[in-house]
């Protein structure tokens, strides 16, 4: 443990020195990376200092007859700090502190899936509000029967990605739709994609790689709701990623929002490629975690939500749909830390 503490203290000091290096300071991308690393090291560094103090106190108590009665408490404290330190040093996701862009889409199930997508969007919005985050609607495609074919929004606040990344995947619902006269339970889905919002310095986009189309925005039935070509569709030619925005009346505003979503998608694509290279073995053991995987089932007749990743079930759907998701977020984060320690 002493070697680990030495290494941590050395790494913290070196990162501090790098941040004050003019060559790093003048390179915005590198300065951002070094600043993030320093922030990540702060909590482990404080624990390392606490470990050193407690370790020294324990050595002093062992050599002093009058202080020996403190030894059990100090040993217990030292063991607790060591456990905290191991958890703190588990490689955290560099994106954890970022704002996020969330896309909710209707899955299988027709109009009921669109209504469910609207419910999932509402649940995540309320969760963001409960956690003290700010939300911003970026774009939406309402369904004629209510709900959404697709809705995209941003969640802003320190650590937003560390909270919302667990929501990415397929959310399955089992309930009796309002339009169902026979009282039969239907199963439908909504998919959620959660992407860290990327800064311009993190994802450089060559304007020459973009195909930009403008057109008139349309309502749910296809009717034109704008007399000017304010809607924008941007295609990133090298990857084929396409983003369309039409909610704003101004073409400039729609273009700015589309670029934010495009940047987030490209950043997430790059992260996914890196992750696939890093943990192909682990991925084959625990599943890919990709959007297509069913992560939760919301069963209305039984008032039950089951998260299939951690086998956690709660019978309080009303509270969960009102945004009370903390129990699931904490269970998923704890499971992830444990896997990292074991891996």
C-alpha atoms as a PDB file:
ATOM      1  CA  UNK A   1       0.000   0.000   0.000  1.00  0.00           C
ATOM      2  CA  UNK A   2       2.895   2.366   0.737  1.00  0.00           C
ATOM      3  CA  UNK A   3       4.154   1.987  -2.850  1.00  0.00           C
ATOM      4  CA  UNK A   4       0.676   2.780  -4.122  1.00  0.00           C
ATOM      5  CA  UNK A   5       0.497   5.924  -1.952  1.00  0.00           C
ATOM      6  CA  UNK A   6       3.986   7.000  -3.114  1.00  0.00           C
ATOM      7  CA  UNK A   7       2.997   6.533  -6.737  1.00  0.00           C
ATOM      8  CA  UNK A   8      -0.260   8.451  -6.251  1.00  0.00           C
ATOM      9  CA  UNK A   9       1.482  11.401  -4.587  1.00  0.00           C
ATOM     10  CA  UNK A  10       4.105  11.482  -7.342  1.00  0.00           C
ATOM     11  CA  UNK A  11       1.441  11.372 -10.051  1.00  0.00           C
ATOM     12  CA  UNK A  12      -0.508  14.194  -8.391  1.00  0.00           C
ATOM     13  CA  UNK A  13       2.585  16.423  -8.148  1.00  0.00           C
ATOM     14  CA  UNK A  14       3.606  15.702 -11.757  1.00  0.00           C
ATOM     15  CA  UNK A  15       0.092  16.529 -13.001  1.00  0.00           C
ATOM     16  CA  UNK A  16       0.147  19.820 -11.060  1.00  0.00           C
ATOM     17  CA  UNK A  17       3.498  20.688 -12.642  1.00  0.00           C
ATOM     18  CA  UNK A  18       2.245  19.812 -16.134  1.00  0.00           C
ATOM     19  CA  UNK A  19      -0.756  22.091 -15.722  1.00  0.00           C
ATOM     20  CA  UNK A  20       1.515  25.035 -14.947  1.00  0.00           C
ATOM     21  CA  UNK A  21       3.782  24.264 -17.937  1.00  0.00           C
ATOM     22  CA  UNK A  22       3.285  27.050 -20.567  1.00  0.00           C
ATOM     23  CA  UNK A  23       3.433  24.502 -23.404  1.00  0.00           C
ATOM     24  CA  UNK A  24       0.485  22.602 -21.880  1.00  0.00           C
ATOM     25  CA  UNK A  25      -1.363  25.748 -20.803  1.00  0.00           C
ATOM     26  CA  UNK A  26      -1.314  27.093 -24.381  1.00  0.00           C
ATOM     27  CA  UNK A  27      -2.640  23.852 -25.869  1.00  0.00           C
ATOM     28  CA  UNK A  28      -6.368  23.958 -25.067  1.00  0.00           C
ATOM     29  CA  UNK A  29      -6.986  20.269 -25.633  1.00  0.00           C
ATOM     30  CA  UNK A  30      -4.009  19.108 -23.557  1.00  0.00           C
ATOM     31  CA  UNK A  31      -4.775  21.649 -20.821  1.00  0.00           C
ATOM     32  CA  UNK A  32      -8.352  20.327 -20.633  1.00  0.00           C
ATOM     33  CA  UNK A  33      -7.088  16.713 -20.403  1.00  0.00           C
ATOM     34  CA  UNK A  34      -4.514  17.549 -17.704  1.00  0.00           C
ATOM     35  CA  UNK A  35      -7.070  19.609 -15.761  1.00  0.00           C
ATOM     36  CA  UNK A  36      -9.502  16.681 -15.794  1.00  0.00           C
ATOM     37  CA  UNK A  37      -6.793  14.269 -14.656  1.00  0.00           C
ATOM     38  CA  UNK A  38      -5.859  16.576 -11.763  1.00  0.00           C
ATOM     39  CA  UNK A  39      -9.504  16.781 -10.711  1.00  0.00           C
ATOM     40  CA  UNK A  40      -9.764  12.968 -10.812  1.00  0.00           C
ATOM     41  CA  UNK A  41      -6.655  12.626  -8.633  1.00  0.00           C
ATOM     42  CA  UNK A  42      -7.780  15.099  -5.955  1.00  0.00           C
ATOM     43  CA  UNK A  43      -9.980  12.712  -3.937  1.00  0.00           C
ATOM     44  CA  UNK A  44      -7.489   9.778  -4.041  1.00  0.00           C
ATOM     45  CA  UNK A  45      -4.645  12.186  -3.147  1.00  0.00           C
ATOM     46  CA  UNK A  46      -6.522  13.381  -0.021  1.00  0.00           C
ATOM     47  CA  UNK A  47      -7.135   9.759   0.976  1.00  0.00           C
ATOM     48  CA  UNK A  48      -3.437   8.991   0.426  1.00  0.00           C
ATOM     49  CA  UNK A  49      -2.484  11.823   2.783  1.00  0.00           C
ATOM     50  CA  UNK A  50      -5.003  10.567   5.336  1.00  0.00           C
ATOM     51  CA  UNK A  51      -3.585   7.040   4.975  1.00  0.00           C
ATOM     52  CA  UNK A  52      -0.042   8.329   5.607  1.00  0.00           C
ATOM     53  CA  UNK A  53      -1.123  10.274   8.726  1.00  0.00           C
ATOM     54  CA  UNK A  54      -3.061   7.287  10.135  1.00  0.00           C
ATOM     55  CA  UNK A  55      -0.187   4.923   9.300  1.00  0.00           C
ATOM     56  CA  UNK A  56       2.267   7.191  11.181  1.00  0.00           C
ATOM     57  CA  UNK A  57      -0.134   7.480  14.147  1.00  0.00           C
ATOM     58  CA  UNK A  58      -0.397   3.693  14.288  1.00  0.00           C
ATOM     59  CA  UNK A  59       3.402   3.312  14.287  1.00  0.00           C
ATOM     60  CA  UNK A  60       3.671   5.911  17.067  1.00  0.00           C
ATOM     61  CA  UNK A  61       0.976   4.159  19.134  1.00  0.00           C
ATOM     62  CA  UNK A  62       2.800   0.825  18.811  1.00  0.00           C
ATOM     63  CA  UNK A  63       5.947   2.421  20.261  1.00  0.00           C
ATOM     64  CA  UNK A  64       4.197   4.264  23.102  1.00  0.00           C
ATOM     65  CA  UNK A  65       2.711   2.227  25.959  1.00  0.00           C
ATOM     66  CA  UNK A  66       0.234   5.004  26.859  1.00  0.00           C
ATOM     67  CA  UNK A  67      -1.164   5.107  23.313  1.00  0.00           C
ATOM     68  CA  UNK A  68      -1.504   1.357  22.732  1.00  0.00           C
ATOM     69  CA  UNK A  69      -5.201   1.390  23.573  1.00  0.00           C
ATOM     70  CA  UNK A  70      -5.708   3.450  20.377  1.00  0.00           C
ATOM     71  CA  UNK A  71      -4.257   0.707  18.165  1.00  0.00           C
ATOM     72  CA  UNK A  72      -7.540  -1.198  17.416  1.00  0.00           C
ATOM     73  CA  UNK A  73      -9.316   2.013  16.349  1.00  0.00           C
ATOM     74  CA  UNK A  74      -6.358   3.133  14.223  1.00  0.00           C
ATOM     75  CA  UNK A  75      -6.074  -0.290  12.565  1.00  0.00           C
ATOM     76  CA  UNK A  76      -9.767  -0.218  11.763  1.00  0.00           C
ATOM     77  CA  UNK A  77      -9.484   3.296  10.343  1.00  0.00           C
ATOM     78  CA  UNK A  78      -6.425   2.359   8.273  1.00  0.00           C
ATOM     79  CA  UNK A  79      -8.227  -0.642   6.778  1.00  0.00           C
ATOM     80  CA  UNK A  80     -11.235   1.538   5.920  1.00  0.00           C
ATOM     81  CA  UNK A  81      -9.021   4.147   4.224  1.00  0.00           C
ATOM     82  CA  UNK A  82      -7.261   1.425   2.218  1.00  0.00           C
ATOM     83  CA  UNK A  83     -10.613   0.133   0.973  1.00  0.00           C
ATOM     84  CA  UNK A  84     -11.728   3.677   0.054  1.00  0.00           C
ATOM     85  CA  UNK A  85      -8.421   4.259  -1.699  1.00  0.00           C
ATOM     86  CA  UNK A  86      -8.760   1.090  -3.797  1.00  0.00           C
ATOM     87  CA  UNK A  87     -12.252   2.161  -4.872  1.00  0.00           C
ATOM     88  CA  UNK A  88     -11.095   5.719  -5.580  1.00  0.00           C
ATOM     89  CA  UNK A  89      -8.285   4.420  -7.773  1.00  0.00           C
ATOM     90  CA  UNK A  90     -10.583   2.292  -9.895  1.00  0.00           C
ATOM     91  CA  UNK A  91     -10.182   3.834 -13.337  1.00  0.00           C
ATOM     92  CA  UNK A  92     -13.070   6.245 -13.632  1.00  0.00           C
ATOM     93  CA  UNK A  93     -14.585   7.152 -16.959  1.00  0.00           C
ATOM     94  CA  UNK A  94     -12.978  10.417 -18.127  1.00  0.00           C
ATOM     95  CA  UNK A  95     -16.421  11.510 -19.322  1.00  0.00           C
ATOM     96  CA  UNK A  96     -18.115  11.104 -15.920  1.00  0.00           C
ATOM     97  CA  UNK A  97     -18.084  14.816 -15.063  1.00  0.00           C
ATOM     98  CA  UNK A  98     -19.446  15.927 -18.425  1.00  0.00           C
ATOM     99  CA  UNK A  99     -22.850  17.246 -19.431  1.00  0.00           C
ATOM    100  CA  UNK A 100     -24.848  14.781 -21.523  1.00  0.00           C
ATOM    101  CA  UNK A 101     -27.067  14.634 -24.556  1.00  0.00           C
ATOM    102  CA  UNK A 102     -29.897  12.098 -24.264  1.00  0.00           C
ATOM    103  CA  UNK A 103     -31.911  10.711 -27.174  1.00  0.00           C
ATOM    104  CA  UNK A 104     -35.160   8.847 -26.445  1.00  0.00           C
ATOM    105  CA  UNK A 105     -36.814   6.993 -29.347  1.00  0.00           C
ATOM    106  CA  UNK A 106     -39.946   4.911 -29.635  1.00  0.00           C
ATOM    107  CA  UNK A 107     -39.136   1.245 -30.163  1.00  0.00           C
ATOM    108  CA  UNK A 108     -41.496  -1.588 -31.054  1.00  0.00           C
ATOM    109  CA  UNK A 109     -45.181  -1.161 -30.270  1.00  0.00           C
ATOM    110  CA  UNK A 110     -46.566   1.589 -32.526  1.00  0.00           C
ATOM    111  CA  UNK A 111     -48.496   4.418 -30.854  1.00  0.00           C
ATOM    112  CA  UNK A 112     -48.084   2.829 -27.422  1.00  0.00           C
ATOM    113  CA  UNK A 113     -44.280   2.842 -27.912  1.00  0.00           C
ATOM    114  CA  UNK A 114     -44.428   6.565 -28.731  1.00  0.00           C
ATOM    115  CA  UNK A 115     -46.453   7.209 -25.554  1.00  0.00           C
ATOM    116  CA  UNK A 116     -43.935   5.140 -23.588  1.00  0.00           C
ATOM    117  CA  UNK A 117     -41.043   7.128 -25.101  1.00  0.00           C
ATOM    118  CA  UNK A 118     -42.809  10.257 -23.809  1.00  0.00           C
ATOM    119  CA  UNK A 119     -43.102   8.694 -20.342  1.00  0.00           C
ATOM    120  CA  UNK A 120     -39.406   7.741 -20.309  1.00  0.00           C
ATOM    121  CA  UNK A 121     -38.460  11.270 -21.401  1.00  0.00           C
ATOM    122  CA  UNK A 122     -40.605  12.710 -18.602  1.00  0.00           C
ATOM    123  CA  UNK A 123     -39.083  10.306 -16.033  1.00  0.00           C
ATOM    124  CA  UNK A 124     -35.516  11.251 -17.009  1.00  0.00           C
ATOM    125  CA  UNK A 125     -36.369  14.957 -16.981  1.00  0.00           C
ATOM    126  CA  UNK A 126     -37.780  14.651 -13.474  1.00  0.00           C
ATOM    127  CA  UNK A 127     -34.744  12.662 -12.353  1.00  0.00           C
ATOM    128  CA  UNK A 128     -32.452  15.405 -13.666  1.00  0.00           C
ATOM    129  CA  UNK A 129     -34.502  17.986 -11.774  1.00  0.00           C
ATOM    130  CA  UNK A 130     -34.336  15.950  -8.553  1.00  0.00           C
ATOM    131  CA  UNK A 131     -30.540  15.715  -8.864  1.00  0.00           C
ATOM    132  CA  UNK A 132     -30.240  19.484  -9.330  1.00  0.00           C
ATOM    133  CA  UNK A 133     -29.286  19.323 -13.021  1.00  0.00           C
ATOM    134  CA  UNK A 134     -30.592  21.693 -15.688  1.00  0.00           C
ATOM    135  CA  UNK A 135     -32.249  20.321 -18.826  1.00  0.00           C
ATOM    136  CA  UNK A 136     -32.558  21.809 -22.287  1.00  0.00           C
ATOM    137  CA  UNK A 137     -34.815  20.440 -25.023  1.00  0.00           C
ATOM    138  CA  UNK A 138     -32.802  20.228 -28.242  1.00  0.00           C
ATOM    139  CA  UNK A 139     -35.253  18.671 -30.660  1.00  0.00           C
ATOM    140  CA  UNK A 140     -38.347  16.492 -30.838  1.00  0.00           C
ATOM    141  CA  UNK A 141     -40.513  14.606 -33.262  1.00  0.00           C
ATOM    142  CA  UNK A 142     -43.970  14.256 -31.675  1.00  0.00           C
ATOM    143  CA  UNK A 143     -46.208  11.343 -32.609  1.00  0.00           C
ATOM    144  CA  UNK A 144     -49.735  11.913 -33.931  1.00  0.00           C
ATOM    145  CA  UNK A 145     -51.188   9.734 -31.171  1.00  0.00           C
ATOM    146  CA  UNK A 146     -49.261  11.551 -28.439  1.00  0.00           C
ATOM    147  CA  UNK A 147     -45.823  10.932 -27.065  1.00  0.00           C
ATOM    148  CA  UNK A 148     -42.710  11.080 -29.218  1.00  0.00           C
ATOM    149  CA  UNK A 149     -41.174   9.265 -32.140  1.00  0.00           C
ATOM    150  CA  UNK A 150     -37.940  10.814 -30.921  1.00  0.00           C
ATOM    151  CA  UNK A 151     -36.889  13.489 -28.441  1.00  0.00           C
ATOM    152  CA  UNK A 152     -33.393  14.846 -27.772  1.00  0.00           C
ATOM    153  CA  UNK A 153     -32.400  16.865 -24.716  1.00  0.00           C
ATOM    154  CA  UNK A 154     -29.304  17.974 -22.844  1.00  0.00           C
ATOM    155  CA  UNK A 155     -28.645  17.507 -19.121  1.00  0.00           C
ATOM    156  CA  UNK A 156     -26.173  19.987 -17.650  1.00  0.00           C
ATOM    157  CA  UNK A 157     -24.360  19.766 -14.323  1.00  0.00           C
ATOM    158  CA  UNK A 158     -21.209  18.436 -12.708  1.00  0.00           C
ATOM    159  CA  UNK A 159     -21.237  14.634 -12.965  1.00  0.00           C
ATOM    160  CA  UNK A 160     -24.291  14.413 -15.238  1.00  0.00           C
ATOM    161  CA  UNK A 161     -22.784  11.615 -17.339  1.00  0.00           C
ATOM    162  CA  UNK A 162     -21.826   9.578 -14.245  1.00  0.00           C
ATOM    163  CA  UNK A 163     -25.538   9.570 -13.307  1.00  0.00           C
ATOM    164  CA  UNK A 164     -27.274   9.266 -16.678  1.00  0.00           C
ATOM    165  CA  UNK A 165     -24.960   6.788 -18.413  1.00  0.00           C
ATOM    166  CA  UNK A 166     -26.848   3.943 -16.693  1.00  0.00           C
ATOM    167  CA  UNK A 167     -30.052   4.915 -18.541  1.00  0.00           C
ATOM    168  CA  UNK A 168     -28.716   4.009 -21.992  1.00  0.00           C
ATOM    169  CA  UNK A 169     -30.382   0.934 -23.478  1.00  0.00           C
ATOM    170  CA  UNK A 170     -33.822  -0.517 -24.152  1.00  0.00           C
ATOM    171  CA  UNK A 171     -36.573   0.252 -21.626  1.00  0.00           C
ATOM    172  CA  UNK A 172     -39.397  -2.305 -21.945  1.00  0.00           C
ATOM    173  CA  UNK A 173     -42.904  -1.628 -20.646  1.00  0.00           C
ATOM    174  CA  UNK A 174     -45.732  -4.081 -19.978  1.00  0.00           C
ATOM    175  CA  UNK A 175     -49.115  -2.413 -19.488  1.00  0.00           C
ATOM    176  CA  UNK A 176     -52.674  -2.085 -20.793  1.00  0.00           C
ATOM    177  CA  UNK A 177     -52.741   0.779 -23.315  1.00  0.00           C
ATOM    178  CA  UNK A 178     -55.479   3.403 -22.973  1.00  0.00           C
ATOM    179  CA  UNK A 179     -56.754   2.360 -26.427  1.00  0.00           C
ATOM    180  CA  UNK A 180     -57.012  -1.336 -25.495  1.00  0.00           C
ATOM    181  CA  UNK A 181     -60.707  -2.207 -25.079  1.00  0.00           C
ATOM    182  CA  UNK A 182     -60.142  -5.851 -24.106  1.00  0.00           C
ATOM    183  CA  UNK A 183     -57.848  -5.017 -21.185  1.00  0.00           C
ATOM    184  CA  UNK A 184     -54.940  -6.973 -22.674  1.00  0.00           C
ATOM    185  CA  UNK A 185     -51.391  -6.255 -21.575  1.00  0.00           C
ATOM    186  CA  UNK A 186     -49.129  -5.018 -24.378  1.00  0.00           C
ATOM    187  CA  UNK A 187     -45.332  -5.022 -24.429  1.00  0.00           C
ATOM    188  CA  UNK A 188     -43.545  -2.131 -26.098  1.00  0.00           C
ATOM    189  CA  UNK A 189     -40.158  -0.466 -25.872  1.00  0.00           C
ATOM    190  CA  UNK A 190     -38.308   2.816 -25.974  1.00  0.00           C
ATOM    191  CA  UNK A 191     -34.572   3.121 -26.551  1.00  0.00           C
ATOM    192  CA  UNK A 192     -32.351   5.629 -24.786  1.00  0.00           C
ATOM    193  CA  UNK A 193     -28.919   6.772 -25.965  1.00  0.00           C
ATOM    194  CA  UNK A 194     -26.788   8.764 -23.514  1.00  0.00           C
ATOM    195  CA  UNK A 195     -23.741  10.590 -24.864  1.00  0.00           C
ATOM    196  CA  UNK A 196     -21.243  12.876 -23.129  1.00  0.00           C
ATOM    197  CA  UNK A 197     -21.466  16.361 -24.602  1.00  0.00           C
ATOM    198  CA  UNK A 198     -18.163  16.959 -26.363  1.00  0.00           C
ATOM    199  CA  UNK A 199     -16.303  20.245 -26.428  1.00  0.00           C
ATOM    200  CA  UNK A 200     -15.127  21.582 -29.767  1.00  0.00           C
ATOM    201  CA  UNK A 201     -11.489  20.948 -28.867  1.00  0.00           C
ATOM    202  CA  UNK A 202     -12.269  17.249 -28.266  1.00  0.00           C
ATOM    203  CA  UNK A 203     -13.920  16.565 -31.606  1.00  0.00           C
ATOM    204  CA  UNK A 204     -12.539  18.458 -34.573  1.00  0.00           C
ATOM    205  CA  UNK A 205     -14.988  18.437 -37.471  1.00  0.00           C
ATOM    206  CA  UNK A 206     -13.764  19.471 -40.907  1.00  0.00           C
ATOM    207  CA  UNK A 207     -16.477  21.659 -42.494  1.00  0.00           C
ATOM    208  CA  UNK A 208     -15.601  19.961 -45.794  1.00  0.00           C
ATOM    209  CA  UNK A 209     -16.822  16.648 -44.317  1.00  0.00           C
ATOM    210  CA  UNK A 210     -20.334  18.001 -43.787  1.00  0.00           C
ATOM    211  CA  UNK A 211     -23.339  17.880 -46.120  1.00  0.00           C
ATOM    212  CA  UNK A 212     -25.913  20.414 -44.906  1.00  0.00           C
ATOM    213  CA  UNK A 213     -29.515  20.380 -46.168  1.00  0.00           C
ATOM    214  CA  UNK A 214     -32.160  22.953 -45.228  1.00  0.00           C
ATOM    215  CA  UNK A 215     -35.898  22.436 -45.561  1.00  0.00           C
ATOM    216  CA  UNK A 216     -39.214  23.491 -44.050  1.00  0.00           C
ATOM    217  CA  UNK A 217     -40.071  22.031 -40.678  1.00  0.00           C
ATOM    218  CA  UNK A 218     -43.086  19.724 -40.475  1.00  0.00           C
ATOM    219  CA  UNK A 219     -45.605  18.741 -37.813  1.00  0.00           C
ATOM    220  CA  UNK A 220     -46.666  15.201 -36.799  1.00  0.00           C
ATOM    221  CA  UNK A 221     -48.944  14.781 -39.826  1.00  0.00           C
ATOM    222  CA  UNK A 222     -46.357  15.996 -42.291  1.00  0.00           C
ATOM    223  CA  UNK A 223     -47.913  19.432 -42.690  1.00  0.00           C
ATOM    224  CA  UNK A 224     -45.537  22.373 -43.013  1.00  0.00           C
ATOM    225  CA  UNK A 225     -45.444  24.423 -39.819  1.00  0.00           C
ATOM    226  CA  UNK A 226     -42.908  26.982 -41.021  1.00  0.00           C
ATOM    227  CA  UNK A 227     -42.886  29.181 -44.103  1.00  0.00           C
ATOM    228  CA  UNK A 228     -39.083  29.394 -44.288  1.00  0.00           C
ATOM    229  CA  UNK A 229     -36.382  26.763 -44.756  1.00  0.00           C
ATOM    230  CA  UNK A 230     -35.357  26.771 -41.092  1.00  0.00           C
ATOM    231  CA  UNK A 231     -35.004  23.011 -40.493  1.00  0.00           C
ATOM    232  CA  UNK A 232     -31.472  21.664 -40.839  1.00  0.00           C
ATOM    233  CA  UNK A 233     -30.091  18.218 -41.612  1.00  0.00           C
ATOM    234  CA  UNK A 234     -26.346  17.689 -41.227  1.00  0.00           C
ATOM    235  CA  UNK A 235     -24.629  14.564 -42.528  1.00  0.00           C
ATOM    236  CA  UNK A 236     -21.052  13.756 -41.518  1.00  0.00           C
ATOM    237  CA  UNK A 237     -19.849  12.159 -44.756  1.00  0.00           C
ATOM    238  CA  UNK A 238     -16.908  10.069 -43.405  1.00  0.00           C
ATOM    239  CA  UNK A 239     -19.130   8.254 -40.867  1.00  0.00           C
ATOM    240  CA  UNK A 240     -22.608   8.654 -42.342  1.00  0.00           C
ATOM    241  CA  UNK A 241     -23.917  10.061 -39.029  1.00  0.00           C
ATOM    242  CA  UNK A 242     -26.944  12.298 -39.695  1.00  0.00           C
ATOM    243  CA  UNK A 243     -28.619  14.773 -37.334  1.00  0.00           C
ATOM    244  CA  UNK A 244     -31.758  16.788 -38.099  1.00  0.00           C
ATOM    245  CA  UNK A 245     -33.170  19.682 -36.063  1.00  0.00           C
ATOM    246  CA  UNK A 246     -36.328  21.688 -36.706  1.00  0.00           C
ATOM    247  CA  UNK A 247     -37.709  22.919 -33.369  1.00  0.00           C
ATOM    248  CA  UNK A 248     -36.234  26.420 -33.568  1.00  0.00           C
ATOM    249  CA  UNK A 249     -37.602  29.091 -35.941  1.00  0.00           C
ATOM    250  CA  UNK A 250     -34.074  30.119 -36.902  1.00  0.00           C
ATOM    251  CA  UNK A 251     -31.894  28.065 -39.238  1.00  0.00           C
ATOM    252  CA  UNK A 252     -28.810  29.256 -37.311  1.00  0.00           C
ATOM    253  CA  UNK A 253     -30.205  27.952 -33.989  1.00  0.00           C
ATOM    254  CA  UNK A 254     -31.204  24.604 -35.497  1.00  0.00           C
ATOM    255  CA  UNK A 255     -27.760  24.283 -37.064  1.00  0.00           C
ATOM    256  CA  UNK A 256     -26.030  25.023 -33.735  1.00  0.00           C
ATOM    257  CA  UNK A 257     -28.113  22.394 -31.929  1.00  0.00           C
ATOM    258  CA  UNK A 258     -27.536  19.832 -34.691  1.00  0.00           C
ATOM    259  CA  UNK A 259     -23.770  20.407 -34.452  1.00  0.00           C
ATOM    260  CA  UNK A 260     -23.881  19.799 -30.666  1.00  0.00           C
ATOM    261  CA  UNK A 261     -25.647  16.469 -31.175  1.00  0.00           C
ATOM    262  CA  UNK A 262     -23.363  15.508 -34.077  1.00  0.00           C
ATOM    263  CA  UNK A 263     -20.272  16.275 -31.998  1.00  0.00           C
ATOM    264  CA  UNK A 264     -21.643  14.152 -29.119  1.00  0.00           C
ATOM    265  CA  UNK A 265     -22.414  11.226 -31.434  1.00  0.00           C
ATOM    266  CA  UNK A 266     -18.941  11.302 -33.005  1.00  0.00           C
ATOM    267  CA  UNK A 267     -17.314  11.569 -29.570  1.00  0.00           C
ATOM    268  CA  UNK A 268     -19.337   8.608 -28.318  1.00  0.00           C
ATOM    269  CA  UNK A 269     -18.468   6.631 -31.450  1.00  0.00           C
ATOM    270  CA  UNK A 270     -14.762   7.254 -30.845  1.00  0.00           C
ATOM    271  CA  UNK A 271     -15.116   6.282 -27.147  1.00  0.00           C
ATOM    272  CA  UNK A 272     -16.976   3.098 -28.096  1.00  0.00           C
ATOM    273  CA  UNK A 273     -14.185   2.088 -30.498  1.00  0.00           C
ATOM    274  CA  UNK A 274     -11.541   2.684 -27.812  1.00  0.00           C
ATOM    275  CA  UNK A 275     -13.596   0.799 -25.235  1.00  0.00           C
ATOM    276  CA  UNK A 276     -14.059  -2.165 -27.572  1.00  0.00           C
ATOM    277  CA  UNK A 277     -10.300  -2.429 -27.978  1.00  0.00           C
ATOM    278  CA  UNK A 278      -9.657  -2.113 -24.243  1.00  0.00           C
ATOM    279  CA  UNK A 279     -12.083  -4.632 -22.849  1.00  0.00           C
ATOM    280  CA  UNK A 280     -13.063  -7.122 -25.521  1.00  0.00           C
ATOM    281  CA  UNK A 281     -12.626  -9.958 -23.014  1.00  0.00           C
ATOM    282  CA  UNK A 282     -14.731  -8.350 -20.312  1.00  0.00           C
ATOM    283  CA  UNK A 283     -17.358  -7.391 -22.894  1.00  0.00           C
ATOM    284  CA  UNK A 284     -17.738 -11.042 -23.959  1.00  0.00           C
ATOM    285  CA  UNK A 285     -18.298 -12.051 -20.323  1.00  0.00           C
ATOM    286  CA  UNK A 286     -20.821  -9.445 -19.204  1.00  0.00           C
ATOM    287  CA  UNK A 287     -22.575  -8.444 -22.417  1.00  0.00           C
ATOM    288  CA  UNK A 288     -21.936  -5.465 -24.614  1.00  0.00           C
ATOM    289  CA  UNK A 289     -24.151  -2.927 -22.855  1.00  0.00           C
ATOM    290  CA  UNK A 290     -25.144  -1.640 -26.283  1.00  0.00           C
ATOM    291  CA  UNK A 291     -28.416   0.192 -26.843  1.00  0.00           C
ATOM    292  CA  UNK A 292     -30.123  -2.884 -28.277  1.00  0.00           C
ATOM    293  CA  UNK A 293     -29.890  -4.729 -24.979  1.00  0.00           C
ATOM    294  CA  UNK A 294     -32.960  -4.695 -22.752  1.00  0.00           C
ATOM    295  CA  UNK A 295     -31.858  -3.048 -19.523  1.00  0.00           C
ATOM    296  CA  UNK A 296     -35.150  -2.697 -17.641  1.00  0.00           C
ATOM    297  CA  UNK A 297     -38.717  -3.940 -17.565  1.00  0.00           C
ATOM    298  CA  UNK A 298     -41.468  -1.701 -16.217  1.00  0.00           C
ATOM    299  CA  UNK A 299     -44.463  -3.915 -15.356  1.00  0.00           C
ATOM    300  CA  UNK A 300     -47.538  -1.802 -14.587  1.00  0.00           C
ATOM    301  CA  UNK A 301     -49.972  -4.577 -13.466  1.00  0.00           C
ATOM    302  CA  UNK A 302     -47.429  -5.643 -10.805  1.00  0.00           C
ATOM    303  CA  UNK A 303     -46.243  -2.064 -10.049  1.00  0.00           C
ATOM    304  CA  UNK A 304     -42.727  -3.428 -10.624  1.00  0.00           C
ATOM    305  CA  UNK A 305     -39.467  -2.237 -12.144  1.00  0.00           C
ATOM    306  CA  UNK A 306     -36.662  -4.749 -12.683  1.00  0.00           C
ATOM    307  CA  UNK A 307     -33.173  -3.720 -13.765  1.00  0.00           C
ATOM    308  CA  UNK A 308     -31.786  -6.790 -15.517  1.00  0.00           C
ATOM    309  CA  UNK A 309     -28.136  -5.713 -15.220  1.00  0.00           C
ATOM    310  CA  UNK A 310     -28.024  -5.890 -11.429  1.00  0.00           C
ATOM    311  CA  UNK A 311     -31.139  -8.056 -10.884  1.00  0.00           C
ATOM    312  CA  UNK A 312     -32.685  -5.294  -8.761  1.00  0.00           C
ATOM    313  CA  UNK A 313     -36.479  -5.096  -8.433  1.00  0.00           C
ATOM    314  CA  UNK A 314     -38.609  -2.374  -6.818  1.00  0.00           C
ATOM    315  CA  UNK A 315     -42.388  -2.255  -6.461  1.00  0.00           C
ATOM    316  CA  UNK A 316     -43.008   1.492  -6.705  1.00  0.00           C
ATOM    317  CA  UNK A 317     -43.471   2.440 -10.336  1.00  0.00           C
ATOM    318  CA  UNK A 318     -45.272   5.702  -9.519  1.00  0.00           C
ATOM    319  CA  UNK A 319     -42.243   7.012  -7.618  1.00  0.00           C
ATOM    320  CA  UNK A 320     -39.809   5.764 -10.254  1.00  0.00           C
ATOM    321  CA  UNK A 321     -41.716   7.452 -13.084  1.00  0.00           C
ATOM    322  CA  UNK A 322     -41.669  10.611 -10.938  1.00  0.00           C
ATOM    323  CA  UNK A 323     -37.884  10.497 -11.180  1.00  0.00           C
ATOM    324  CA  UNK A 324     -36.845   8.552  -8.077  1.00  0.00           C
ATOM    325  CA  UNK A 325     -34.093   6.503  -9.703  1.00  0.00           C
ATOM    326  CA  UNK A 326     -31.307   6.965  -7.147  1.00  0.00           C
ATOM    327  CA  UNK A 327     -31.544   3.386  -5.823  1.00  0.00           C
ATOM    328  CA  UNK A 328     -30.872   1.997  -9.306  1.00  0.00           C
ATOM    329  CA  UNK A 329     -28.106   4.481 -10.136  1.00  0.00           C
ATOM    330  CA  UNK A 330     -26.274   3.649  -6.887  1.00  0.00           C
ATOM    331  CA  UNK A 331     -26.656  -0.124  -7.377  1.00  0.00           C
ATOM    332  CA  UNK A 332     -25.334   0.061 -10.952  1.00  0.00           C
ATOM    333  CA  UNK A 333     -22.384   2.290  -9.968  1.00  0.00           C
ATOM    334  CA  UNK A 334     -21.486  -0.017  -7.056  1.00  0.00           C
ATOM    335  CA  UNK A 335     -21.676  -3.068  -9.323  1.00  0.00           C
ATOM    336  CA  UNK A 336     -19.437  -1.368 -11.877  1.00  0.00           C
ATOM    337  CA  UNK A 337     -16.830  -0.465  -9.225  1.00  0.00           C
ATOM    338  CA  UNK A 338     -16.852  -4.039  -7.903  1.00  0.00           C
ATOM    339  CA  UNK A 339     -16.348  -5.467 -11.399  1.00  0.00           C
ATOM    340  CA  UNK A 340     -13.440  -3.075 -11.953  1.00  0.00           C
ATOM    341  CA  UNK A 341     -11.810  -4.152  -8.668  1.00  0.00           C
ATOM    342  CA  UNK A 342     -12.193  -7.820  -9.582  1.00  0.00           C
ATOM    343  CA  UNK A 343     -11.043  -7.253 -13.153  1.00  0.00           C
END
